[in-house]
Every structure is written in C-alpha cells, then in structure tokens.
C-alpha cells in the first residue's frame, strides 16, 4: 500500500514539473534530460555484450559525485573490464560532469515512479549499485532487490529527525531492506540504523577526504591568478553569495593592499552582474576579459567560469567560504587540504568537518565585519594556523579502501 501511494505522488510530480519548468530553467533542463534518459540508456546497453558487468553509481548532484568518484574509480581500476553507468538527479551535477571520462554512460535518473524504476533497472541490469550519502529511492531499491543486484549506500550520514526514525518510520523500512550494506560516516548514523534493526552497517568515514586529498596533490597551475595576485595578500571568496561579498567589499575599502578573487556559486548573467556592480569601485574585472597588462590596477577578479575552484584555493592566502549565511556551507575540505585558513558564516553546525576544523583552529566562524577583519588580520600578520587543515584531511582519509574491502564479502 505504501509503495502505491508513494508511486502516485511521484507520478503527480512527474506530471506537474513540466509546468513548473516553464518558469524555471534548471527544472526545465532536468525534465528534458530525464525524458531522454531511458532511451539513451537502452541504446547504450544494447551496444554491450549481454554478459557485461555493469556497475551503477547514483549521485544527487555534484557534491555527491565527488564523494562517489573515488570509489567508482577504484572499482574500475580493480575491474577494468566492467562498465560504469553514472546518474544524477540534479542538473547541477549532470551538466558539469556529463563529459566525465571515468564512466561509460552518464544520464539523469528518471523520477521514482513504479514504471520508470522498473524499466530503468530492467534495461541496465547492474550487478553492483552505489547510492551516495542520502539517496534512498523506494521503487528503484525494490527493483534492484528483485533482480538480485548488490546495493551499497556509501558515505551515508543520517540524523535522528529524519523520516526513518519517526513514529511513522516503519513504512520506510522496506526501502532500506533492499540495501546490502550501509557504509556510514559516523557512529551516530550507525547507532540510528541499528536502533531500527539494521546491522549490515559499518563505519567507513567520508570518501570526500579521499577525493580532496587526491585533488590537493596536483592542483592546476593558473598563470592568470599569479599575474593578478602579484605580491599582494590574496583573499578568495569561494562559492560566494551576496552576504559574503558584502562583508568583503567593506574590507576592501579599509585594507588597501588586499586582492580578492570572487568565485560566485552561480555564474548566470544576473549574478555575475551583481558581483561586478558591488566591486566596481575596486576595478573589478571578469576572468573572461582579464588581461594582466591592461588590468594591473584591478583589486577584484571575478571568475565567470566553472571547474577551477580547487586550484584557485591552492593560490589563496585565506578563504571566505560561501553558504554559511544561507542554507548551508559549501565544501570546506577543498580548502583544508591545502592548509589554508578559512572563515565562514554561522550556518555551518550541521557539517561535522566544519565543526572539526573550527575546533582545531583551521577555520573561523564569522557573523560581522569586525570578525572578518580580525580573521584576515590574523592571517596576514600572525600566520598561526599553517597546515592544521591539511593534517586533518590526511588523518580522516581512507574511506574508499574501507568500502572496497567491505564489499568483498558480497562478491559472487
């Protein structure tokens, strides 16, 4: 009965989303991709030998992909003759990684209706499946169990207020029963799952540490950033929103020998124009039009392209990380791996790594201009926090190896 009502809800969502998409480009893009997914998958699957081993990795968006990536690449190295299918739910993930060479097929995950899930799984016929962090889809899980696929949920992190642990949580337990093994990030998640009678759980940690450690070993050289920075102190605003930018704009007016590289979270035209207007009086220039010989007086460089943030962090003297004044913090580990001090807004408390970084003195919560100013002053003159974050990342790495070792007992 639960599956019936669940499927009806998703069927309604599938019907209504195209209407909503008329007013939202992101939703419209996702709808278009989902409509093509099953036919694209079928064409790809028919091109493979019938006995091919398929490994499926599903991620909600880009952040979850970065968590799943080390596992899927390690599996591909271990089993080079297997084929990798990669799915995303959000355009924010698919549009950025649709050309990722580590997968053989990349597409959107269709809505979790009864018919979509059955058709998708029957076509794909995966042997092993990896869903990342908090992706739990009832119809997909049911159909994977039906064909005997090994389903692993990796880098899982759960909280007591989530639906599985409420008085009505029993209706969701059937979804979780399809999972072969849960590889979780912490003891709290393990304890919560065991409380509802799931003992196929082990603490492996967070695979993001493995990924950022891998990236941190070989950042891309960015000559344009060195030309912009010259010998000045460089503050990077990573994945920025208006709140972080407004604070830094005040700082620029009071600290003359400061250079700022702004990397907005979104790079659509109106958002880039907003940043340009805010920093106009400091000679702000877009990366797409930056010329070192012509823009040598610019104090603000605004990055209007994607895919370079981690390498930009490697050149920074300090970072203000975006999201902490809004719904939630962005990836602090990308900064920590370089041993660079960071500051972020107050909405970071749901992120264990942010709490850990604050505790060891590698990160500083800020709410006011005075706190931002104090942070930058410490970074410029005291140099009190070298490599604290890097050491933390190195100590937390190893989740990928733990997961690969853990799935060995499920191998046929």
Protein backbone atom coordinates (compact mmCIF):
# COMPACT_ATOMS: atom_id res chain seq x y z
CA UNK A 1 0.00 0.00 0.00
CA UNK A 2 2.82 2.40 0.88
CA UNK A 3 4.52 1.80 -2.48
CA UNK A 4 1.26 2.52 -4.28
CA UNK A 5 0.75 5.93 -2.65
CA UNK A 6 4.46 6.73 -2.95
CA UNK A 7 4.34 5.98 -6.69
CA UNK A 8 1.20 8.07 -7.14
CA UNK A 9 2.94 11.06 -5.54
CA UNK A 10 5.94 10.72 -7.85
CA UNK A 11 3.64 10.29 -10.84
CA UNK A 12 1.94 13.58 -9.94
CA UNK A 13 5.32 15.28 -9.57
CA UNK A 14 6.34 13.99 -12.98
CA UNK A 15 3.16 15.45 -14.49
CA UNK A 16 3.43 18.82 -12.74
CA UNK A 17 7.15 19.52 -13.12
CA UNK A 18 6.98 20.42 -16.84
CA UNK A 19 4.52 23.17 -15.89
CA UNK A 20 6.84 24.44 -13.16
CA UNK A 21 9.70 24.17 -15.65
CA UNK A 22 8.11 26.84 -17.82
CA UNK A 23 9.21 29.33 -15.15
CA UNK A 24 12.46 27.71 -14.00
CA UNK A 25 15.33 26.95 -16.37
CA UNK A 26 17.03 24.47 -14.02
CA UNK A 27 13.87 22.38 -13.64
CA UNK A 28 13.26 22.60 -17.37
CA UNK A 29 16.77 21.32 -18.09
CA UNK A 30 16.31 18.39 -15.70
CA UNK A 31 12.94 17.47 -17.18
CA UNK A 32 14.40 17.42 -20.67
CA UNK A 33 17.29 15.20 -19.59
CA UNK A 34 15.03 12.76 -17.76
CA UNK A 35 12.77 12.34 -20.78
CA UNK A 36 15.75 11.19 -22.84
CA UNK A 37 17.42 9.04 -20.18
CA UNK A 38 15.75 5.67 -20.69
CA UNK A 39 16.04 5.66 -24.49
CA UNK A 40 19.69 6.72 -24.23
CA UNK A 41 20.37 4.02 -21.65
CA UNK A 42 18.69 1.36 -23.78
CA UNK A 43 20.76 2.27 -26.81
CA UNK A 44 23.98 2.11 -24.80
CA UNK A 45 23.08 -1.16 -23.07
CA UNK A 46 22.27 -2.87 -26.36
CA UNK A 47 25.74 -1.97 -27.63
CA UNK A 48 27.37 -4.07 -24.88
CA UNK A 49 27.82 -7.84 -24.69
CA UNK A 50 24.94 -9.42 -22.78
CA UNK A 51 27.23 -10.79 -20.07
CA UNK A 52 28.88 -7.42 -19.33
CA UNK A 53 29.28 -6.47 -15.69
CA UNK A 54 27.56 -3.16 -15.03
CA UNK A 55 28.38 -1.02 -12.01
CA UNK A 56 25.95 1.82 -11.34
CA UNK A 57 26.77 4.93 -9.31
CA UNK A 58 23.97 7.35 -8.48
CA UNK A 59 24.51 10.84 -7.05
CA UNK A 60 22.03 13.59 -6.33
CA UNK A 61 24.32 16.34 -7.57
CA UNK A 62 27.92 17.44 -7.93
CA UNK A 63 28.87 17.22 -4.27
CA UNK A 64 27.70 13.63 -4.01
CA UNK A 65 29.53 12.78 -7.22
CA UNK A 66 32.79 13.94 -5.67
CA UNK A 67 32.06 11.57 -2.78
CA UNK A 68 31.30 8.62 -5.03
CA UNK A 69 34.06 9.27 -7.54
CA UNK A 70 36.97 7.73 -5.57
CA UNK A 71 35.01 4.51 -5.08
CA UNK A 72 33.95 4.12 -8.68
CA UNK A 73 37.44 4.89 -9.98
CA UNK A 74 38.98 2.39 -7.58
CA UNK A 75 36.49 -0.26 -8.71
CA UNK A 76 37.21 0.47 -12.36
CA UNK A 77 40.92 0.09 -11.69
CA UNK A 78 40.26 -3.19 -9.91
CA UNK A 79 37.86 -4.48 -12.59
CA UNK A 80 38.89 -2.75 -15.85
CA UNK A 81 36.51 -4.82 -17.98
CA UNK A 82 33.43 -3.64 -16.10
CA UNK A 83 31.19 -0.87 -17.43
CA UNK A 84 30.23 2.17 -15.36
CA UNK A 85 26.82 3.86 -15.50
CA UNK A 86 26.57 7.20 -13.73
CA UNK A 87 23.32 9.01 -12.95
CA UNK A 88 22.43 12.37 -11.47
CA UNK A 89 19.15 13.75 -10.24
CA UNK A 90 20.10 17.42 -10.46
CA UNK A 91 21.25 19.42 -13.50
CA UNK A 92 23.87 20.97 -11.18
CA UNK A 93 25.65 17.63 -11.25
CA UNK A 94 24.85 16.33 -14.72
CA UNK A 95 25.62 19.49 -16.68
CA UNK A 96 29.04 19.84 -15.04
CA UNK A 97 30.05 16.16 -15.28
CA UNK A 98 28.26 14.93 -18.40
CA UNK A 99 31.62 14.52 -20.14
CA UNK A 100 33.34 12.72 -17.27
CA UNK A 101 35.59 10.10 -18.87
CA UNK A 102 35.51 7.71 -15.92
CA UNK A 103 32.01 6.48 -16.78
CA UNK A 104 30.79 4.66 -19.87
CA UNK A 105 27.27 6.09 -19.76
CA UNK A 106 26.07 9.24 -17.98
CA UNK A 107 22.47 10.36 -17.67
CA UNK A 108 19.69 11.69 -15.49
CA UNK A 109 17.81 9.41 -13.12
CA UNK A 110 14.12 9.37 -14.12
CA UNK A 111 11.54 10.12 -11.45
CA UNK A 112 11.00 7.29 -8.99
CA UNK A 113 7.65 6.14 -10.36
CA UNK A 114 6.74 2.47 -10.46
CA UNK A 115 7.12 2.23 -14.25
CA UNK A 116 10.26 4.37 -14.60
CA UNK A 117 12.17 2.44 -11.96
CA UNK A 118 11.16 -0.97 -13.30
CA UNK A 119 12.07 -0.09 -16.87
CA UNK A 120 15.36 1.57 -15.94
CA UNK A 121 16.57 -1.34 -13.80
CA UNK A 122 15.43 -3.99 -16.28
CA UNK A 123 17.37 -2.29 -19.07
CA UNK A 124 20.51 -1.59 -17.06
CA UNK A 125 20.74 -4.93 -15.19
CA UNK A 126 23.52 -3.77 -12.85
CA UNK A 127 25.49 -6.24 -10.77
CA UNK A 128 26.61 -3.69 -8.19
CA UNK A 129 24.99 -0.37 -7.33
CA UNK A 130 26.27 2.54 -5.24
CA UNK A 131 23.96 5.27 -3.98
CA UNK A 132 25.74 8.17 -2.30
CA UNK A 133 25.06 9.83 1.06
CA UNK A 134 21.27 10.18 1.48
CA UNK A 135 19.76 8.91 -1.75
CA UNK A 136 17.00 6.42 -0.86
CA UNK A 137 14.54 5.71 -3.68
CA UNK A 138 11.81 3.20 -2.89
CA UNK A 139 10.90 1.94 -6.37
CA UNK A 140 14.49 1.78 -7.58
CA UNK A 141 15.56 -0.07 -4.44
CA UNK A 142 12.65 -2.52 -4.75
CA UNK A 143 13.51 -3.33 -8.37
CA UNK A 144 17.22 -3.68 -7.63
CA UNK A 145 16.43 -6.20 -4.92
CA UNK A 146 14.12 -8.03 -7.31
CA UNK A 147 16.90 -8.65 -9.84
CA UNK A 148 19.41 -9.58 -7.13
CA UNK A 149 21.73 -6.58 -7.55
CA UNK A 150 24.12 -5.78 -4.69
CA UNK A 151 23.13 -2.35 -3.42
CA UNK A 152 25.57 -0.32 -1.32
CA UNK A 153 24.82 3.03 0.26
CA UNK A 154 28.10 4.86 0.79
CA UNK A 155 29.19 7.93 2.79
CA UNK A 156 25.79 7.77 4.50
CA UNK A 157 25.07 10.31 7.21
CA UNK A 158 21.70 10.41 8.97
CA UNK A 159 20.10 12.46 11.74
CA UNK A 160 17.54 11.49 14.34
CA UNK A 161 14.90 13.88 12.96
CA UNK A 162 14.82 12.14 9.58
CA UNK A 163 11.77 10.14 8.49
CA UNK A 164 13.26 6.69 9.11
CA UNK A 165 13.41 7.34 12.85
CA UNK A 166 9.98 8.90 13.41
CA UNK A 167 6.84 7.11 14.64
CA UNK A 168 5.80 6.54 11.02
CA UNK A 169 9.29 5.40 10.01
CA UNK A 170 8.26 1.76 9.76
CA UNK A 171 6.74 2.42 6.34
CA UNK A 172 10.19 3.41 5.04
CA UNK A 173 11.99 0.38 6.43
CA UNK A 174 11.03 -1.71 3.39
CA UNK A 175 13.07 0.70 1.28
CA UNK A 176 16.16 0.20 3.42
CA UNK A 177 15.77 -3.59 3.42
CA UNK A 178 16.95 -3.63 -0.19
CA UNK A 179 20.39 -2.36 0.85
CA UNK A 180 23.14 -4.97 1.02
CA UNK A 181 25.36 -2.81 3.22
CA UNK A 182 25.48 0.70 4.63
CA UNK A 183 28.90 2.35 4.73
CA UNK A 184 28.35 5.27 7.09
CA UNK A 185 30.34 8.32 8.10
CA UNK A 186 29.98 8.24 11.86
CA UNK A 187 28.88 6.38 14.98
CA UNK A 188 25.65 8.36 15.25
CA UNK A 189 24.43 7.08 11.88
CA UNK A 190 25.47 3.53 12.73
CA UNK A 191 23.60 3.71 16.04
CA UNK A 192 20.44 5.11 14.42
CA UNK A 193 20.34 2.32 11.82
CA UNK A 194 20.97 -0.35 14.43
CA UNK A 195 18.16 1.12 16.52
CA UNK A 196 15.71 0.24 13.72
CA UNK A 197 17.23 -3.25 13.38
CA UNK A 198 19.72 -2.76 10.56
CA UNK A 199 23.01 -4.38 11.48
CA UNK A 200 24.54 -4.51 7.99
CA UNK A 201 26.34 -1.29 8.83
CA UNK A 202 29.99 -0.33 9.15
CA UNK A 203 31.73 2.97 9.76
CA UNK A 204 33.96 3.73 6.80
CA UNK A 205 34.16 7.51 7.04
CA UNK A 206 33.60 10.08 4.33
CA UNK A 207 35.03 9.45 0.85
CA UNK A 208 35.26 13.22 0.26
CA UNK A 209 38.50 13.18 2.26
CA UNK A 210 40.00 10.74 -0.25
CA UNK A 211 38.83 12.86 -3.16
CA UNK A 212 40.12 16.21 -1.90
CA UNK A 213 43.41 14.61 -0.89
CA UNK A 214 43.74 13.31 -4.44
CA UNK A 215 42.93 16.73 -5.92
CA UNK A 216 45.21 18.53 -3.49
CA UNK A 217 48.24 16.60 -4.67
CA UNK A 218 48.11 18.08 -8.17
CA UNK A 219 46.31 21.44 -8.44
CA UNK A 220 46.27 23.02 -11.87
CA UNK A 221 48.65 25.89 -12.50
CA UNK A 222 46.77 29.16 -13.04
CA UNK A 223 49.16 31.77 -14.50
CA UNK A 224 46.39 34.36 -14.73
CA UNK A 225 45.85 34.15 -10.96
CA UNK A 226 49.54 34.65 -10.23
CA UNK A 227 49.52 37.67 -12.55
CA UNK A 228 46.54 39.10 -10.72
CA UNK A 229 47.89 38.41 -7.22
CA UNK A 230 51.46 39.63 -7.80
CA UNK A 231 52.95 40.14 -4.31
CA UNK A 232 49.75 41.11 -2.52
CA UNK A 233 47.72 39.18 0.02
CA UNK A 234 45.04 37.17 -1.84
CA UNK A 235 41.64 36.54 -0.27
CA UNK A 236 39.40 34.12 -2.17
CA UNK A 237 35.62 34.09 -1.73
CA UNK A 238 34.72 30.55 -2.74
CA UNK A 239 31.19 29.60 -3.87
CA UNK A 240 30.16 33.10 -2.86
CA UNK A 241 26.74 34.60 -2.22
CA UNK A 242 25.77 38.21 -1.66
CA UNK A 243 26.31 38.04 2.11
CA UNK A 244 29.98 37.07 1.93
CA UNK A 245 30.67 39.52 -0.88
CA UNK A 246 29.08 42.43 1.01
CA UNK A 247 31.35 41.89 4.02
CA UNK A 248 34.46 41.62 1.85
CA UNK A 249 33.53 44.80 -0.05
CA UNK A 250 33.70 46.73 3.23
CA UNK A 251 37.05 45.12 3.99
CA UNK A 252 38.46 46.20 0.62
CA UNK A 253 37.60 49.81 1.35
CA UNK A 254 39.67 49.68 4.55
CA UNK A 255 42.61 47.45 3.58
CA UNK A 256 44.48 48.93 0.59
CA UNK A 257 46.96 46.12 -0.19
CA UNK A 258 44.38 43.36 -0.46
CA UNK A 259 43.46 41.46 -3.63
CA UNK A 260 40.21 39.48 -3.84
CA UNK A 261 39.26 36.65 -6.19
CA UNK A 262 35.49 36.13 -6.22
CA UNK A 263 34.13 32.75 -7.35
CA UNK A 264 30.31 33.03 -7.29
CA UNK A 265 28.31 29.90 -6.53
CA UNK A 266 26.27 30.56 -9.66
CA UNK A 267 27.57 32.23 -12.81
CA UNK A 268 24.40 33.21 -14.63
CA UNK A 269 24.40 36.72 -16.08
CA UNK A 270 22.42 38.49 -13.35
CA UNK A 271 24.55 37.02 -10.57
CA UNK A 272 27.82 37.99 -12.28
CA UNK A 273 26.50 41.49 -12.89
CA UNK A 274 25.57 41.79 -9.23
CA UNK A 275 29.16 40.98 -8.23
CA UNK A 276 30.58 43.37 -10.81
CA UNK A 277 28.40 46.21 -9.54
CA UNK A 278 29.31 45.53 -5.92
CA UNK A 279 33.06 45.62 -6.59
CA UNK A 280 33.05 48.18 -9.41
CA UNK A 281 34.83 50.89 -7.43
CA UNK A 282 37.72 48.48 -6.79
CA UNK A 283 38.38 48.00 -10.50
CA UNK A 284 36.61 44.64 -10.67
CA UNK A 285 37.24 42.63 -13.83
CA UNK A 286 35.85 39.35 -15.14
CA UNK A 287 38.23 36.47 -15.74
CA UNK A 288 36.83 36.12 -19.27
CA UNK A 289 38.14 39.60 -20.12
CA UNK A 290 41.13 39.80 -17.77
CA UNK A 291 44.41 40.99 -19.35
CA UNK A 292 47.31 41.39 -16.89
CA UNK A 293 48.93 44.27 -18.79
CA UNK A 294 45.65 46.22 -19.01
CA UNK A 295 44.11 45.32 -15.66
CA UNK A 296 47.10 45.64 -13.38
CA UNK A 297 45.24 48.09 -11.14
CA UNK A 298 42.31 45.73 -10.54
CA UNK A 299 41.86 44.64 -6.94
CA UNK A 300 38.99 42.24 -7.61
CA UNK A 301 38.89 39.41 -10.12
CA UNK A 302 35.52 37.72 -10.66
CA UNK A 303 35.63 34.17 -12.03
CA UNK A 304 32.78 33.74 -14.52
CA UNK A 305 33.51 30.11 -15.45
CA UNK A 306 33.40 26.79 -13.61
CA UNK A 307 35.77 23.95 -12.77
CA UNK A 308 38.73 25.82 -11.26
CA UNK A 309 37.77 26.45 -7.65
CA UNK A 310 40.02 23.88 -6.01
CA UNK A 311 43.08 25.10 -7.92
CA UNK A 312 42.19 28.70 -7.07
CA UNK A 313 42.17 27.77 -3.39
CA UNK A 314 45.73 26.49 -3.74
CA UNK A 315 46.91 30.04 -4.55
CA UNK A 316 44.98 31.76 -1.74
CA UNK A 317 46.40 33.23 1.46
CA UNK A 318 42.99 32.97 3.10
CA UNK A 319 39.46 31.99 2.06
CA UNK A 320 35.95 33.11 2.91
CA UNK A 321 33.73 30.13 2.11
CA UNK A 322 30.18 30.69 0.86
CA UNK A 323 26.90 29.27 2.11
CA UNK A 324 27.38 29.89 5.80
CA UNK A 325 24.93 32.78 5.81
CA UNK A 326 22.33 30.83 3.86
CA UNK A 327 21.02 27.28 3.70
CA UNK A 328 24.34 25.64 4.42
CA UNK A 329 28.06 25.66 3.96
CA UNK A 330 29.86 24.55 0.82
CA UNK A 331 32.85 22.20 0.72
CA UNK A 332 35.38 23.26 3.35
CA UNK A 333 37.63 20.26 2.73
CA UNK A 334 38.71 21.62 -0.66
CA UNK A 335 40.34 24.46 1.26
CA UNK A 336 41.58 22.49 4.25
CA UNK A 337 43.63 20.12 2.10
CA UNK A 338 45.99 22.98 1.22
CA UNK A 339 46.44 24.01 4.86
CA UNK A 340 44.85 27.40 4.12
CA UNK A 341 42.86 29.22 6.84
CA UNK A 342 39.19 29.86 6.16
CA UNK A 343 36.24 31.76 7.56
CA UNK A 344 32.54 31.09 7.06
CA UNK A 345 29.13 32.17 8.30
CA UNK A 346 27.15 30.80 11.26
CA UNK A 347 25.12 28.16 9.37
CA UNK A 348 27.84 25.53 9.49
CA UNK A 349 26.79 23.48 12.51
CA UNK A 350 25.24 20.62 10.54
CA UNK A 351 28.61 19.92 8.92
CA UNK A 352 30.87 17.79 11.08
CA UNK A 353 34.01 18.64 9.15
CA UNK A 354 33.35 22.37 9.63
CA UNK A 355 32.94 21.85 13.39
CA UNK A 356 36.15 19.82 13.45
CA UNK A 357 38.08 22.48 11.53
CA UNK A 358 36.89 25.17 13.93
CA UNK A 359 37.92 23.02 16.88
CA UNK A 360 41.49 22.56 15.63
CA UNK A 361 41.86 26.23 14.70
CA UNK A 362 41.85 25.79 10.93
CA UNK A 363 38.55 27.63 10.43
CA UNK A 364 36.84 30.64 11.97
CA UNK A 365 33.08 31.29 12.19
CA UNK A 366 32.16 34.89 11.43
CA UNK A 367 28.94 36.90 11.54
CA UNK A 368 30.09 40.52 11.46
CA UNK A 369 32.55 42.71 9.60
CA UNK A 370 34.69 43.07 12.72
CA UNK A 371 35.06 39.27 12.92
CA UNK A 372 36.02 39.08 9.25
CA UNK A 373 38.53 41.89 9.69
CA UNK A 374 40.07 40.15 12.71
CA UNK A 375 40.35 36.88 10.76
CA UNK A 376 42.14 38.50 7.82
CA UNK A 377 44.45 40.42 10.15
CA UNK A 378 45.48 37.17 11.87
CA UNK A 379 46.15 35.52 8.53
CA UNK A 380 48.22 38.46 7.28
CA UNK A 381 50.38 39.09 10.30
CA UNK A 382 50.33 36.13 12.68
CA UNK A 383 50.37 33.05 10.44
CA UNK A 384 49.11 30.99 13.37
CA UNK A 385 47.38 28.15 11.52
CA UNK A 386 49.69 26.58 8.91
CA UNK A 387 48.74 23.08 7.73
CA UNK A 388 46.21 22.38 10.51
CA UNK A 389 43.53 21.60 7.94
CA UNK A 390 45.83 19.53 5.74
CA UNK A 391 46.78 17.30 8.64
CA UNK A 392 43.10 16.84 9.49
CA UNK A 393 42.26 15.73 5.94
CA UNK A 394 45.16 13.29 5.85
CA UNK A 395 44.08 11.74 9.16
CA UNK A 396 40.46 11.29 8.00
CA UNK A 397 41.25 9.74 4.60
CA UNK A 398 40.84 6.04 3.88
CA UNK A 399 37.08 5.57 3.39
CA UNK A 400 37.49 4.30 -0.17
CA UNK A 401 39.78 1.46 0.91
CA UNK A 402 37.39 0.56 3.73
CA UNK A 403 34.45 0.37 1.32
CA UNK A 404 36.32 -1.76 -1.24
CA UNK A 405 37.36 -4.14 1.49
CA UNK A 406 33.82 -4.22 2.87
CA UNK A 407 32.14 -5.19 -0.39
CA UNK A 408 34.47 -8.14 -0.99
CA UNK A 409 32.25 -10.45 1.06
CA UNK A 410 29.32 -9.66 -1.25
CA UNK A 411 31.19 -10.62 -4.40
CA UNK A 412 29.78 -13.58 -6.25
